[in-house]
């Protein structure tokens, strides 16, 4: 069975001639549970040409807020005690806001795009539940060009250091512009120090949790030291270029 489909224009990713502008809309839900926010008059007056995104301040609200976009009927539900930046699908500057709680809430209509984000913000001190932002990537790849990459490239032989309560040191290759990839392959937190000449690591130096890896700028260092006061561990060290 095929779903019902509709095609309509939206104003997303356009560049407004008037420059970035914001319209603050304060909704007093103690006087009504729903507001129809119609900004078409401001469009006719040339004060704002379109609405591409919203900032919603629902921090004082113990209930969720429902936003419905005109024409597209896009529905967005903002959790209780939360704030959000939201991309909206509109072809005219009009939408509605509804909630059952008698509070004041500010909605800012923006003529520029934003990156979607929702976060817990209990302004009145009430307990808030965690807000899961499911569309926020933990890793974002960036393509520089089809023939170039900034990925870390191992260049020199690796070193494995066994660590413990006393600092251990190893010489590394010193090369202009090199970086160091350090991986904690053991079971205890390891603290790392780099520099010129033999180094002594302290428990206040750069820390690496078990199974954690990091790439640091060597800054011309020719030695690296590590210590794991909480127990035996080990680190793998590779000198190379890129990140």
Protein backbone atom coordinates (compact mmCIF):
# COMPACT_ATOMS: atom_id res chain seq x y z
CA UNK A 1 0.00 0.00 0.00
CA UNK A 2 1.41 3.39 -1.01
CA UNK A 3 1.43 6.32 1.46
CA UNK A 4 -0.35 9.58 0.67
CA UNK A 5 2.16 12.06 -0.72
CA UNK A 6 2.17 15.82 -1.22
CA UNK A 7 4.73 18.10 -2.86
CA UNK A 8 5.13 21.74 -1.78
CA UNK A 9 7.80 24.45 -1.83
CA UNK A 10 9.62 25.49 1.33
CA UNK A 11 11.87 28.44 2.17
CA UNK A 12 14.75 26.43 3.63
CA UNK A 13 18.36 27.44 2.86
CA UNK A 14 17.38 30.69 1.13
CA UNK A 15 19.37 33.83 1.82
CA UNK A 16 17.03 36.64 2.93
CA UNK A 17 17.78 40.05 1.45
CA UNK A 18 17.09 41.76 4.77
CA UNK A 19 19.84 39.78 6.52
CA UNK A 20 19.32 37.56 9.58
CA UNK A 21 16.33 38.63 11.67
CA UNK A 22 14.35 37.23 14.57
CA UNK A 23 10.72 37.83 15.62
CA UNK A 24 9.92 37.18 19.29
CA UNK A 25 6.46 35.72 19.91
CA UNK A 26 5.37 35.47 23.56
CA UNK A 27 2.47 33.06 24.08
CA UNK A 28 0.56 33.34 27.36
CA UNK A 29 -1.06 29.92 27.62
CA UNK A 30 -2.92 30.97 30.78
CA UNK A 31 -5.33 32.83 28.48
CA UNK A 32 -5.56 30.18 25.73
CA UNK A 33 -4.24 26.69 25.15
CA UNK A 34 -3.41 27.33 21.49
CA UNK A 35 -2.01 30.27 19.51
CA UNK A 36 -2.03 30.80 15.74
CA UNK A 37 1.19 32.72 15.07
CA UNK A 38 0.69 34.58 11.79
CA UNK A 39 3.65 36.70 10.65
CA UNK A 40 2.47 37.31 7.08
CA UNK A 41 1.79 40.99 7.85
CA UNK A 42 5.45 41.43 8.81
CA UNK A 43 6.38 39.81 5.51
CA UNK A 44 4.15 42.26 3.62
CA UNK A 45 5.79 45.14 5.51
CA UNK A 46 9.24 43.89 4.48
CA UNK A 47 10.41 43.37 8.06
CA UNK A 48 11.05 39.67 7.56
CA UNK A 49 10.81 37.72 4.32
CA UNK A 50 10.44 34.15 5.58
CA UNK A 51 10.69 31.77 8.54
CA UNK A 52 13.23 28.97 8.25
CA UNK A 53 13.72 28.01 11.89
CA UNK A 54 12.47 28.50 15.45
CA UNK A 55 13.99 28.83 18.89
CA UNK A 56 11.47 27.50 21.42
CA UNK A 57 11.80 28.29 25.13
CA UNK A 58 9.67 25.65 26.88
CA UNK A 59 11.85 25.67 30.00
CA UNK A 60 9.10 26.82 32.40
CA UNK A 61 6.51 24.41 31.06
CA UNK A 62 5.72 21.18 32.91
CA UNK A 63 3.95 19.93 29.77
CA UNK A 64 5.09 19.38 26.19
CA UNK A 65 4.39 21.92 23.45
CA UNK A 66 3.09 20.99 20.00
CA UNK A 67 4.05 23.13 17.00
CA UNK A 68 2.25 22.66 13.67
CA UNK A 69 3.53 24.37 10.52
CA UNK A 70 1.07 25.98 8.10
CA UNK A 71 0.43 24.17 4.78
CA UNK A 72 2.96 21.39 5.36
CA UNK A 73 1.30 20.34 8.65
CA UNK A 74 4.73 19.45 9.96
CA UNK A 75 4.27 18.61 13.65
CA UNK A 76 7.04 19.16 16.20
CA UNK A 77 6.70 18.18 19.87
CA UNK A 78 9.02 20.01 22.29
CA UNK A 79 9.43 18.16 25.63
CA UNK A 80 8.58 19.70 28.99
CA UNK A 81 11.29 21.77 30.69
CA UNK A 82 13.24 21.99 27.45
CA UNK A 83 14.60 24.45 24.90
CA UNK A 84 15.24 23.81 21.23
CA UNK A 85 16.55 25.13 17.93
CA UNK A 86 14.38 23.65 15.17
CA UNK A 87 14.34 23.67 11.38
CA UNK A 88 10.76 24.10 10.11
CA UNK A 89 9.07 23.34 6.78
CA UNK A 90 7.14 26.47 5.79
CA UNK A 91 6.22 28.24 2.57
CA UNK A 92 4.52 31.07 4.45
CA UNK A 93 5.22 32.65 7.83
CA UNK A 94 2.48 31.00 9.86
CA UNK A 95 2.33 28.20 12.44
CA UNK A 96 0.49 27.22 15.62
CA UNK A 97 1.64 26.44 19.17
CA UNK A 98 -0.37 24.40 21.68
CA UNK A 99 0.17 23.24 25.26
CA UNK A 100 -2.05 22.31 28.20
CA UNK A 101 -0.02 24.10 30.87
CA UNK A 102 -0.97 27.73 31.78
CA UNK A 103 2.50 29.27 31.38
CA UNK A 104 4.18 31.92 29.27
CA UNK A 105 6.50 30.59 26.58
CA UNK A 106 8.62 32.50 24.10
CA UNK A 107 9.03 31.35 20.50
CA UNK A 108 11.54 33.10 18.27
CA UNK A 109 10.86 32.90 14.52
CA UNK A 110 14.10 33.14 12.53
CA UNK A 111 14.71 33.78 8.83
CA UNK A 112 17.95 31.73 8.79
CA UNK A 113 18.67 27.99 9.06
CA UNK A 114 19.91 26.34 12.26
CA UNK A 115 21.30 22.99 13.32
CA UNK A 116 18.60 21.08 15.17
CA UNK A 117 19.20 20.64 18.89
CA UNK A 118 16.96 19.95 21.91
CA UNK A 119 18.20 20.14 25.50
CA UNK A 120 16.79 19.85 29.01
CA UNK A 121 16.51 23.27 30.72
CA UNK A 122 14.34 23.24 33.88
CA UNK A 123 14.41 26.98 34.58
CA UNK A 124 12.03 26.65 37.53
CA UNK A 125 14.23 24.10 39.30
CA UNK A 126 11.93 21.14 38.73
CA UNK A 127 13.42 17.74 37.97
CA UNK A 128 13.78 17.08 34.27
CA UNK A 129 14.14 13.89 32.31
CA UNK A 130 16.96 13.34 29.85
CA UNK A 131 16.34 14.56 26.31
CA UNK A 132 17.68 12.30 23.58
CA UNK A 133 18.87 14.18 20.49
CA UNK A 134 18.69 11.34 17.99
CA UNK A 135 19.71 13.29 14.90
CA UNK A 136 22.97 14.68 16.25
CA UNK A 137 25.94 12.73 14.79
CA UNK A 138 28.67 11.51 17.15
CA UNK A 139 31.11 11.60 14.21
CA UNK A 140 30.85 13.88 11.21
CA UNK A 141 33.03 13.23 8.17
CA UNK A 142 34.37 16.21 6.25
CA UNK A 143 35.55 15.82 2.66
CA UNK A 144 38.36 18.23 1.81
CA UNK A 145 38.66 17.27 -1.85
CA UNK A 146 38.45 14.05 -3.87
CA UNK A 147 42.25 13.71 -3.82
CA UNK A 148 43.10 14.99 -0.32
CA UNK A 149 42.58 13.58 3.16
CA UNK A 150 43.41 14.76 6.66
CA UNK A 151 43.29 11.24 8.13
CA UNK A 152 46.14 10.25 10.44
CA UNK A 153 48.93 8.48 8.53
CA UNK A 154 51.33 6.32 10.60
CA UNK A 155 54.84 7.11 9.38
CA UNK A 156 57.36 5.76 11.89
CA UNK A 157 57.68 2.44 13.82
CA UNK A 158 55.28 2.05 16.74
CA UNK A 159 56.18 1.70 20.41
CA UNK A 160 54.43 -0.33 23.13
CA UNK A 161 55.00 0.88 26.69
CA UNK A 162 54.05 -1.18 29.76
CA UNK A 163 53.06 1.23 32.53
CA UNK A 164 52.69 1.08 36.29
CA UNK A 165 53.16 3.11 39.46
CA UNK A 166 56.52 4.45 38.25
CA UNK A 167 56.96 6.62 35.15
CA UNK A 168 58.42 4.93 32.07
CA UNK A 169 59.99 6.85 29.17
CA UNK A 170 60.73 6.09 25.52
CA UNK A 171 62.42 8.04 22.75
CA UNK A 172 60.28 8.85 19.69
CA UNK A 173 61.08 10.21 16.25
CA UNK A 174 61.18 14.01 16.16
CA UNK A 175 59.99 15.30 12.78
CA UNK A 176 58.63 18.66 11.68
CA UNK A 177 54.85 18.78 11.89
CA UNK A 178 54.42 15.30 13.29
CA UNK A 179 51.54 14.15 15.47
CA UNK A 180 51.41 11.29 17.98
CA UNK A 181 48.56 8.79 18.21
CA UNK A 182 48.40 7.27 21.68
CA UNK A 183 46.09 4.35 22.56
CA UNK A 184 45.55 2.99 26.07
CA UNK A 185 45.40 -0.76 25.47
CA UNK A 186 45.39 -1.65 29.16
CA UNK A 187 42.89 -1.71 32.02
CA UNK A 188 43.94 1.36 34.05
CA UNK A 189 43.99 5.10 33.41
CA UNK A 190 47.33 6.21 31.93
CA UNK A 191 48.87 9.70 32.21
CA UNK A 192 51.05 10.94 29.34
CA UNK A 193 53.80 13.56 29.03
CA UNK A 194 55.88 14.50 25.97
CA UNK A 195 58.90 16.75 25.57
CA UNK A 196 62.52 17.16 24.60
CA UNK A 197 64.81 14.76 26.44
CA UNK A 198 63.87 12.13 29.02
CA UNK A 199 60.47 12.83 30.58
CA UNK A 200 58.85 11.89 33.91
CA UNK A 201 55.06 11.49 33.73
CA UNK A 202 52.90 12.63 36.64
CA UNK A 203 49.34 11.78 37.65
CA UNK A 204 48.34 15.33 36.69
CA UNK A 205 49.41 14.97 33.04
CA UNK A 206 47.22 14.16 30.02
CA UNK A 207 45.00 11.22 30.98
CA UNK A 208 43.81 8.35 28.81
CA UNK A 209 41.05 6.02 29.97
CA UNK A 210 41.24 2.30 29.07
CA UNK A 211 40.54 1.71 25.35
CA UNK A 212 40.72 5.45 24.67
CA UNK A 213 42.81 6.84 21.80
CA UNK A 214 43.96 10.40 21.16
CA UNK A 215 46.07 12.23 18.57
CA UNK A 216 48.20 15.08 19.89
CA UNK A 217 50.58 17.57 18.27
CA UNK A 218 54.10 16.47 19.15
CA UNK A 219 55.49 20.03 18.94
CA UNK A 220 58.94 18.67 18.16
CA UNK A 221 59.00 16.26 21.13
CA UNK A 222 61.55 13.44 20.99
CA UNK A 223 60.51 11.61 24.17
CA UNK A 224 57.25 10.37 25.69
CA UNK A 225 56.58 9.15 29.23
CA UNK A 226 53.61 7.36 30.79
CA UNK A 227 52.43 6.35 34.26
CA UNK A 228 49.38 4.46 35.60
CA UNK A 229 49.25 4.82 39.41
CA UNK A 230 45.99 2.83 39.70
CA UNK A 231 47.48 -0.35 38.25
CA UNK A 232 49.37 -1.95 35.40
CA UNK A 233 48.42 -0.85 31.91
CA UNK A 234 49.98 -0.36 28.48
CA UNK A 235 49.98 2.20 25.68
CA UNK A 236 50.60 1.97 21.95
CA UNK A 237 52.39 5.00 20.47
CA UNK A 238 52.59 5.85 16.77
CA UNK A 239 54.22 8.94 15.24
CA UNK A 240 52.78 10.17 11.95
CA UNK A 241 51.01 12.99 10.16
CA UNK A 242 47.38 14.17 9.90
CA UNK A 243 44.54 13.77 12.33
